[in-house]
Amino acid sequence: MDFDSHLSDVVGVTVHVVNLLTPGHRRGQEYPGDATPAGVAAAFAAEGRFSYRMPSDAEVVEMRGYTDRLHSVFAAVDVGDLDTACLTVNALMADTHAMPVLSRHGGEPWHLHFHAAEAGWAIGSGASMATSLAVVLGGPTADRLGICSASACDRVFADTSRNGTRRFCSVACQNRRKAAAFRSRRRLHGGGGE
């Protein structure tokens, strides 16, 4: 499932950056968040088409404020509260002055940006992320956003699978869940210990 090429890239970056910066749990472990400029730049580059510059420490701190709110959007969708998710995204778009602008740069064709050209790095990125989630929430694919179903993991995901059944942030968490279920069945049916 591809929302559209540029939009899918921005949604993918949103997932990477929210998971990187938001403290909580990841793959069964406490996760403090990685608020280093290098980590954030790598998260932006993870989708392959983005060549963002290295943000400053202050810009990462500003972005961290947006990612906490973006995480709450995924959490609201995960529990079926589309109203809260949409209201949160609307507030984020207002706070970041999100606006559609057609742009062409770096040899790419014209494509839609979601922030003013003169916007600073964090506010421009926050506007793009919020607007990308707004497009998803405003369509039939809203239920494809969520929080990982594995125990002790609160990382977010955007389900791009064909059948829309993904419920984990990673294959590692999906495998952890399967292994735990297998061990539980073995104990229940007298198959011994671990």
Protein backbone atom coordinates (compact mmCIF):
# COMPACT_ATOMS: atom_id res chain seq x y z
CA MET A 1 0.00 0.00 0.00
CA ASP A 2 1.58 3.23 -1.16
CA PHE A 3 -0.21 6.44 -0.20
CA ASP A 4 1.62 8.18 -3.07
CA SER A 5 5.36 8.37 -3.55
CA HIS A 6 6.14 11.68 -1.83
CA LEU A 7 3.40 11.34 0.78
CA SER A 8 4.52 7.80 1.62
CA ASP A 9 8.07 9.06 2.05
CA VAL A 10 6.94 11.80 4.45
CA VAL A 11 4.76 9.34 6.43
CA GLY A 12 7.76 6.97 6.57
CA VAL A 13 10.03 9.75 7.83
CA THR A 14 7.37 10.67 10.40
CA VAL A 15 7.39 7.10 11.73
CA HIS A 16 11.20 7.01 11.86
CA VAL A 17 11.56 10.39 13.58
CA VAL A 18 8.72 9.82 16.08
CA ASN A 19 10.20 6.42 17.01
CA LEU A 20 13.68 7.90 17.31
CA LEU A 21 12.87 10.93 19.45
CA THR A 22 10.00 9.72 21.64
CA PRO A 23 11.06 8.08 24.90
CA GLY A 24 9.19 5.01 26.09
CA HIS A 25 9.75 1.34 25.27
CA ARG A 26 11.31 -0.31 22.27
CA ARG A 27 11.49 -4.05 21.65
CA GLY A 28 10.96 -4.91 25.30
CA GLN A 29 13.43 -2.40 26.70
CA GLU A 30 13.22 1.09 28.17
CA TYR A 31 14.05 3.60 25.45
CA PRO A 32 15.24 7.11 26.36
CA GLY A 33 14.94 8.52 22.84
CA ASP A 34 17.87 9.53 20.65
CA ALA A 35 17.92 13.30 20.46
CA THR A 36 21.27 13.59 18.69
CA PRO A 37 21.42 15.66 15.52
CA ALA A 38 23.18 12.79 13.71
CA GLY A 39 20.45 10.33 14.73
CA VAL A 40 17.73 12.68 13.52
CA ALA A 41 19.51 13.30 10.21
CA ALA A 42 19.82 9.53 9.71
CA ALA A 43 16.10 9.07 10.44
CA PHE A 44 15.26 11.64 7.77
CA ALA A 45 17.58 9.91 5.31
CA ALA A 46 16.12 6.45 6.07
CA GLU A 47 13.46 6.80 3.39
CA GLY A 48 16.14 7.29 0.75
CA ARG A 49 14.84 10.38 -1.02
CA PHE A 50 15.58 12.90 1.68
CA SER A 51 18.86 14.78 1.86
CA TYR A 52 18.18 17.02 4.82
CA ARG A 53 21.01 18.91 6.41
CA MET A 54 22.21 18.09 9.91
CA PRO A 55 19.90 19.85 12.38
CA SER A 56 21.27 21.84 15.30
CA ASP A 57 20.77 20.76 18.91
CA ALA A 58 18.17 23.52 19.35
CA GLU A 59 16.27 22.34 16.26
CA VAL A 60 16.22 18.77 17.58
CA VAL A 61 14.78 20.01 20.89
CA GLU A 62 12.09 21.92 18.96
CA MET A 63 11.35 18.83 16.84
CA ARG A 64 11.05 16.75 20.02
CA GLY A 65 8.06 18.87 21.02
CA TYR A 66 6.35 17.99 17.76
CA THR A 67 7.16 14.27 17.92
CA ASP A 68 5.50 13.85 21.32
CA ARG A 69 2.30 15.23 19.84
CA LEU A 70 2.67 13.16 16.67
CA HIS A 71 3.09 10.01 18.79
CA SER A 72 -0.23 10.81 20.46
CA VAL A 73 -1.88 10.84 17.01
CA PHE A 74 -0.77 7.24 16.37
CA ALA A 75 -1.89 6.28 19.90
CA ALA A 76 -5.34 7.81 19.38
CA VAL A 77 -5.82 5.96 16.07
CA ASP A 78 -4.65 2.75 17.73
CA VAL A 79 -7.50 2.89 20.26
CA GLY A 80 -10.05 3.97 17.66
CA ASP A 81 -10.25 7.62 18.72
CA LEU A 82 -10.12 9.26 15.30
CA ASP A 83 -11.61 12.50 16.67
CA THR A 84 -8.67 13.07 19.04
CA ALA A 85 -6.17 12.10 16.34
CA CYS A 86 -7.68 14.60 13.90
CA LEU A 87 -7.96 17.41 16.45
CA THR A 88 -4.31 16.88 17.45
CA VAL A 89 -3.17 16.97 13.81
CA ASN A 90 -5.25 20.11 13.18
CA ALA A 91 -3.60 21.81 16.16
CA LEU A 92 -0.15 20.75 14.95
CA MET A 93 -0.82 22.08 11.46
CA ALA A 94 -2.00 25.39 12.94
CA ASP A 95 1.00 25.64 15.27
CA THR A 96 3.48 24.93 12.45
CA HIS A 97 1.67 27.14 9.90
CA ALA A 98 1.38 24.21 7.51
CA MET A 99 0.53 25.19 3.98
CA PRO A 100 0.66 23.37 0.65
CA VAL A 101 3.34 24.56 -1.75
CA LEU A 102 4.44 22.95 -4.99
CA SER A 103 8.21 22.70 -5.09
CA ARG A 104 10.89 21.40 -7.41
CA HIS A 105 14.48 20.95 -6.35
CA GLY A 106 17.42 18.62 -6.71
CA GLY A 107 16.36 17.41 -10.16
CA GLU A 108 13.05 16.06 -8.83
CA PRO A 109 9.73 16.73 -10.56
CA TRP A 110 7.23 19.14 -9.05
CA HIS A 111 5.86 17.77 -5.80
CA LEU A 112 3.88 18.99 -2.86
CA HIS A 113 5.61 20.37 0.21
CA PHE A 114 3.57 21.06 3.30
CA HIS A 115 5.42 24.09 4.63
CA ALA A 116 6.47 27.54 3.52
CA ALA A 117 9.84 27.68 1.80
CA GLU A 118 11.18 30.06 4.45
CA ALA A 119 10.10 27.90 7.41
CA GLY A 120 12.85 26.84 9.78
CA TRP A 121 13.99 23.20 9.82
CA ALA A 122 11.96 21.98 12.81
CA ILE A 123 8.77 23.88 12.08
CA GLY A 124 8.92 22.97 8.38
CA SER A 125 9.51 19.32 9.18
CA GLY A 126 6.79 19.36 11.83
CA ALA A 127 4.36 20.91 9.33
CA SER A 128 5.19 18.25 6.74
CA MET A 129 4.79 15.42 9.23
CA ALA A 130 1.49 16.73 10.61
CA THR A 131 0.07 17.29 7.13
CA SER A 132 1.13 13.85 5.93
CA LEU A 133 -0.78 12.31 8.83
CA ALA A 134 -3.75 14.58 8.07
CA VAL A 135 -3.90 13.21 4.54
CA VAL A 136 -3.85 9.65 5.88
CA LEU A 137 -6.45 10.42 8.56
CA GLY A 138 -8.72 12.12 6.05
CA GLY A 139 -8.88 9.07 3.81
CA PRO A 140 -9.87 5.42 3.97
CA THR A 141 -6.45 4.38 5.30
CA ALA A 142 -6.63 6.06 8.71
CA ASP A 143 -6.67 2.73 10.53
CA ARG A 144 -3.23 1.94 9.11
CA LEU A 145 -1.56 4.08 11.78
CA GLY A 146 -0.93 2.57 15.19
CA ILE A 147 1.23 1.55 18.12
CA CYS A 148 3.21 -1.69 18.15
CA SER A 149 1.23 -4.63 19.58
CA ALA A 150 4.27 -6.33 21.12
CA SER A 151 4.66 -6.20 24.87
CA ALA A 152 6.89 -3.43 26.22
CA CYS A 153 7.01 -1.58 22.91
CA ASP A 154 5.24 1.69 22.17
CA ARG A 155 6.88 2.50 18.84
CA VAL A 156 4.58 3.69 16.06
CA PHE A 157 3.97 2.24 12.60
CA ALA A 158 2.24 3.06 9.34
CA ASP A 159 0.95 -0.12 7.77
CA THR A 160 1.87 -0.13 4.10
CA SER A 161 1.11 -3.82 3.61
CA ARG A 162 -1.27 -4.85 0.87
CA ASN A 163 -3.84 -6.41 3.21
CA GLY A 164 -3.62 -3.83 6.02
CA THR A 165 -2.97 -6.31 8.85
CA ARG A 166 0.38 -5.09 10.19
CA ARG A 167 0.32 -4.44 13.94
CA PHE A 168 4.01 -4.28 14.84
CA CYS A 169 6.71 -1.64 14.48
CA SER A 170 9.24 -4.18 13.25
CA VAL A 171 9.80 -7.81 12.35
CA ALA A 172 11.79 -8.12 15.58
CA CYS A 173 8.72 -7.22 17.66
CA GLN A 174 6.49 -9.50 15.60
CA ASN A 175 8.92 -12.37 16.21
CA ARG A 176 9.12 -11.57 19.95
CA ARG A 177 5.33 -11.79 20.14
CA LYS A 178 5.23 -15.10 18.23
CA ALA A 179 7.96 -16.60 20.43
CA ALA A 180 6.14 -15.56 23.61
CA ALA A 181 2.88 -17.07 22.34
CA PHE A 182 4.69 -20.31 21.44
CA ARG A 183 6.29 -20.54 24.91
CA SER A 184 2.91 -19.87 26.52
CA ARG A 185 1.22 -22.63 24.50
CA ARG A 186 4.00 -25.08 25.40
CA ARG A 187 3.60 -24.35 29.11
CA LEU A 188 -0.19 -24.59 28.88
CA HIS A 189 -0.09 -27.93 27.13
CA GLY A 190 2.61 -29.45 29.33
CA GLY A 191 5.42 -29.10 26.81
CA GLY A 192 7.95 -28.16 29.45
CA GLY A 193 9.81 -24.97 30.15
CA GLU A 194 11.63 -22.57 27.93
